[in-house]
Amino acid sequence: MSDHHHTHDFDDDEELDDEAFDAGEYEVMLELERLESLEEDMVEMKVTTLEEVRLRIAELHRRLDNEK
């Protein structure tokens, strides 16, 4: 196998990668990453529900308002 042939194979692989790119799949991957990050943050902050998040936000707003 010559270097030229190997380079040609690489170019074919790049074309296949471009054709295989699916914008919908990319969006799903982005959403998955966001949700996994959110889950990690919630675990670190010891909140398990959206209601707990909202209560914590309200509590922090009150604390800030009381410090003024």
N, C-alpha and C. Protein backbone atom coordinates (compact mmCIF):
# COMPACT_ATOMS: atom_id res chain seq x y z
N MET A 1 0.86 -1.18 0.00
CA MET A 1 0.00 0.00 0.00
C MET A 1 0.89 1.23 0.00
N SER A 2 0.66 2.14 -0.92
CA SER A 2 1.46 3.35 -1.00
C SER A 2 0.89 4.42 -0.08
N ASP A 3 1.69 5.45 0.18
CA ASP A 3 1.22 6.57 0.99
C ASP A 3 0.02 7.24 0.34
N HIS A 4 0.04 7.34 -0.98
CA HIS A 4 -1.07 7.97 -1.69
C HIS A 4 -2.36 7.21 -1.44
N HIS A 5 -2.29 5.90 -1.52
CA HIS A 5 -3.48 5.10 -1.30
C HIS A 5 -3.99 5.28 0.12
N HIS A 6 -3.08 5.31 1.07
CA HIS A 6 -3.47 5.49 2.48
C HIS A 6 -4.14 6.85 2.66
N THR A 7 -3.58 7.89 2.03
CA THR A 7 -4.17 9.22 2.12
C THR A 7 -5.56 9.21 1.51
N HIS A 8 -5.72 8.51 0.41
CA HIS A 8 -7.03 8.42 -0.24
C HIS A 8 -8.04 7.76 0.70
N ASP A 9 -7.62 6.69 1.38
CA ASP A 9 -8.50 6.04 2.34
C ASP A 9 -8.93 7.01 3.43
N PHE A 10 -7.99 7.81 3.91
CA PHE A 10 -8.29 8.79 4.95
C PHE A 10 -9.34 9.79 4.45
N ASP A 11 -9.17 10.26 3.21
CA ASP A 11 -10.14 11.20 2.64
C ASP A 11 -11.52 10.56 2.54
N ASP A 12 -11.57 9.29 2.15
CA ASP A 12 -12.85 8.58 2.08
C ASP A 12 -13.50 8.50 3.46
N ASP A 13 -12.67 8.23 4.49
CA ASP A 13 -13.19 8.16 5.85
C ASP A 13 -13.77 9.50 6.28
N GLU A 14 -13.09 10.59 5.91
CA GLU A 14 -13.61 11.92 6.26
C GLU A 14 -14.95 12.16 5.58
N GLU A 15 -15.07 11.77 4.32
CA GLU A 15 -16.33 11.95 3.61
C GLU A 15 -17.44 11.15 4.27
N LEU A 16 -17.14 9.93 4.68
CA LEU A 16 -18.13 9.11 5.37
C LEU A 16 -18.54 9.75 6.69
N ASP A 17 -17.55 10.32 7.40
CA ASP A 17 -17.87 10.99 8.66
C ASP A 17 -18.81 12.16 8.42
N ASP A 18 -18.55 12.94 7.36
CA ASP A 18 -19.42 14.07 7.06
C ASP A 18 -20.83 13.60 6.70
N GLU A 19 -20.91 12.53 5.92
CA GLU A 19 -22.22 12.01 5.53
C GLU A 19 -22.95 11.44 6.74
N ALA A 20 -22.19 10.86 7.67
CA ALA A 20 -22.79 10.23 8.84
C ALA A 20 -23.24 11.27 9.88
N PHE A 21 -22.78 12.50 9.76
CA PHE A 21 -23.16 13.54 10.71
C PHE A 21 -24.66 13.76 10.62
N ASP A 22 -25.30 13.69 11.76
CA ASP A 22 -26.74 13.85 11.82
C ASP A 22 -27.03 14.97 12.82
N ALA A 23 -27.58 16.07 12.32
CA ALA A 23 -27.85 17.22 13.18
C ALA A 23 -28.80 16.85 14.32
N GLY A 24 -29.78 16.00 14.05
CA GLY A 24 -30.70 15.57 15.09
C GLY A 24 -30.00 14.79 16.18
N GLU A 25 -29.08 13.92 15.78
CA GLU A 25 -28.31 13.15 16.75
C GLU A 25 -27.42 14.08 17.58
N TYR A 26 -26.85 15.07 16.93
CA TYR A 26 -26.01 16.04 17.64
C TYR A 26 -26.82 16.78 18.70
N GLU A 27 -28.02 17.19 18.35
CA GLU A 27 -28.89 17.88 19.30
C GLU A 27 -29.21 16.98 20.49
N VAL A 28 -29.44 15.71 20.22
CA VAL A 28 -29.71 14.75 21.30
C VAL A 28 -28.48 14.64 22.20
N MET A 29 -27.30 14.59 21.60
CA MET A 29 -26.08 14.49 22.39
C MET A 29 -25.89 15.74 23.26
N LEU A 30 -26.18 16.92 22.71
CA LEU A 30 -26.08 18.15 23.49
C LEU A 30 -27.06 18.15 24.66
N GLU A 31 -28.29 17.72 24.40
CA GLU A 31 -29.29 17.67 25.47
C GLU A 31 -28.86 16.68 26.55
N LEU A 32 -28.34 15.55 26.13
CA LEU A 32 -27.87 14.54 27.08
C LEU A 32 -26.76 15.12 27.95
N GLU A 33 -25.82 15.82 27.36
CA GLU A 33 -24.73 16.43 28.11
C GLU A 33 -25.26 17.45 29.12
N ARG A 34 -26.22 18.27 28.70
CA ARG A 34 -26.81 19.27 29.61
C ARG A 34 -27.50 18.59 30.79
N LEU A 35 -28.27 17.55 30.50
CA LEU A 35 -29.00 16.85 31.56
C LEU A 35 -28.05 16.13 32.51
N GLU A 36 -27.00 15.54 31.98
CA GLU A 36 -26.02 14.88 32.85
C GLU A 36 -25.32 15.90 33.74
N SER A 37 -25.01 17.07 33.20
CA SER A 37 -24.40 18.13 34.01
C SER A 37 -25.36 18.62 35.08
N LEU A 38 -26.62 18.76 34.70
CA LEU A 38 -27.65 19.17 35.66
C LEU A 38 -27.76 18.16 36.79
N GLU A 39 -27.76 16.89 36.43
CA GLU A 39 -27.84 15.84 37.45
C GLU A 39 -26.66 15.93 38.42
N GLU A 40 -25.46 16.12 37.89
CA GLU A 40 -24.28 16.25 38.74
C GLU A 40 -24.42 17.44 39.67
N ASP A 41 -24.87 18.59 39.15
CA ASP A 41 -25.06 19.78 39.98
C ASP A 41 -26.08 19.53 41.08
N MET A 42 -27.18 18.88 40.73
CA MET A 42 -28.22 18.61 41.73
C MET A 42 -27.70 17.71 42.84
N VAL A 43 -26.92 16.71 42.48
CA VAL A 43 -26.35 15.81 43.48
C VAL A 43 -25.41 16.60 44.39
N GLU A 44 -24.56 17.44 43.80
CA GLU A 44 -23.63 18.25 44.60
C GLU A 44 -24.38 19.20 45.54
N MET A 45 -25.50 19.75 45.09
CA MET A 45 -26.26 20.71 45.89
C MET A 45 -27.29 20.03 46.79
N LYS A 46 -27.35 18.72 46.70
CA LYS A 46 -28.26 17.92 47.53
C LYS A 46 -29.73 18.31 47.32
N VAL A 47 -30.11 18.51 46.07
CA VAL A 47 -31.51 18.72 45.71
C VAL A 47 -31.92 17.60 44.76
N THR A 48 -33.17 17.16 44.89
CA THR A 48 -33.60 16.02 44.07
C THR A 48 -34.80 16.34 43.19
N THR A 49 -35.46 17.48 43.46
CA THR A 49 -36.64 17.82 42.66
C THR A 49 -36.56 19.27 42.22
N LEU A 50 -37.34 19.60 41.21
CA LEU A 50 -37.43 20.98 40.77
C LEU A 50 -37.99 21.87 41.87
N GLU A 51 -38.91 21.34 42.66
CA GLU A 51 -39.47 22.10 43.78
C GLU A 51 -38.36 22.48 44.77
N GLU A 52 -37.47 21.54 45.07
CA GLU A 52 -36.36 21.85 45.98
C GLU A 52 -35.44 22.91 45.39
N VAL A 53 -35.22 22.86 44.10
CA VAL A 53 -34.39 23.87 43.43
C VAL A 53 -35.04 25.24 43.59
N ARG A 54 -36.34 25.32 43.33
CA ARG A 54 -37.05 26.59 43.44
C ARG A 54 -37.06 27.11 44.87
N LEU A 55 -37.24 26.23 45.84
CA LEU A 55 -37.19 26.64 47.24
C LEU A 55 -35.81 27.18 47.60
N ARG A 56 -34.78 26.51 47.13
CA ARG A 56 -33.41 26.96 47.41
C ARG A 56 -33.16 28.33 46.78
N ILE A 57 -33.66 28.54 45.57
CA ILE A 57 -33.51 29.84 44.90
C ILE A 57 -34.20 30.93 45.72
N ALA A 58 -35.43 30.66 46.14
CA ALA A 58 -36.19 31.63 46.92
C ALA A 58 -35.46 31.93 48.23
N GLU A 59 -34.93 30.90 48.88
CA GLU A 59 -34.20 31.08 50.13
C GLU A 59 -32.98 31.97 49.93
N LEU A 60 -32.24 31.73 48.87
CA LEU A 60 -31.05 32.53 48.60
C LEU A 60 -31.42 33.98 48.26
N HIS A 61 -32.52 34.19 47.54
CA HIS A 61 -32.98 35.55 47.26
C HIS A 61 -33.31 36.27 48.57
N ARG A 62 -34.00 35.56 49.47
CA ARG A 62 -34.34 36.16 50.77
C ARG A 62 -33.08 36.52 51.55
N ARG A 63 -32.12 35.63 51.55
CA ARG A 63 -30.86 35.91 52.27
C ARG A 63 -30.16 37.13 51.71
N LEU A 64 -30.12 37.23 50.40
CA LEU A 64 -29.50 38.40 49.77
C LEU A 64 -30.27 39.68 50.09
N ASP A 65 -31.60 39.60 50.05
CA ASP A 65 -32.42 40.79 50.34
C ASP A 65 -32.23 41.23 51.78
N ASN A 66 -32.06 40.29 52.71
CA ASN A 66 -31.89 40.61 54.12
C ASN A 66 -30.53 41.22 54.42
N GLU A 67 -29.56 40.97 53.55
CA GLU A 67 -28.22 41.52 53.76
C GLU A 67 -28.10 42.95 53.27
N LYS A 68 -29.07 43.45 52.55
CA LYS A 68 -29.02 44.82 52.02
C LYS A 68 -29.33 45.83 53.07
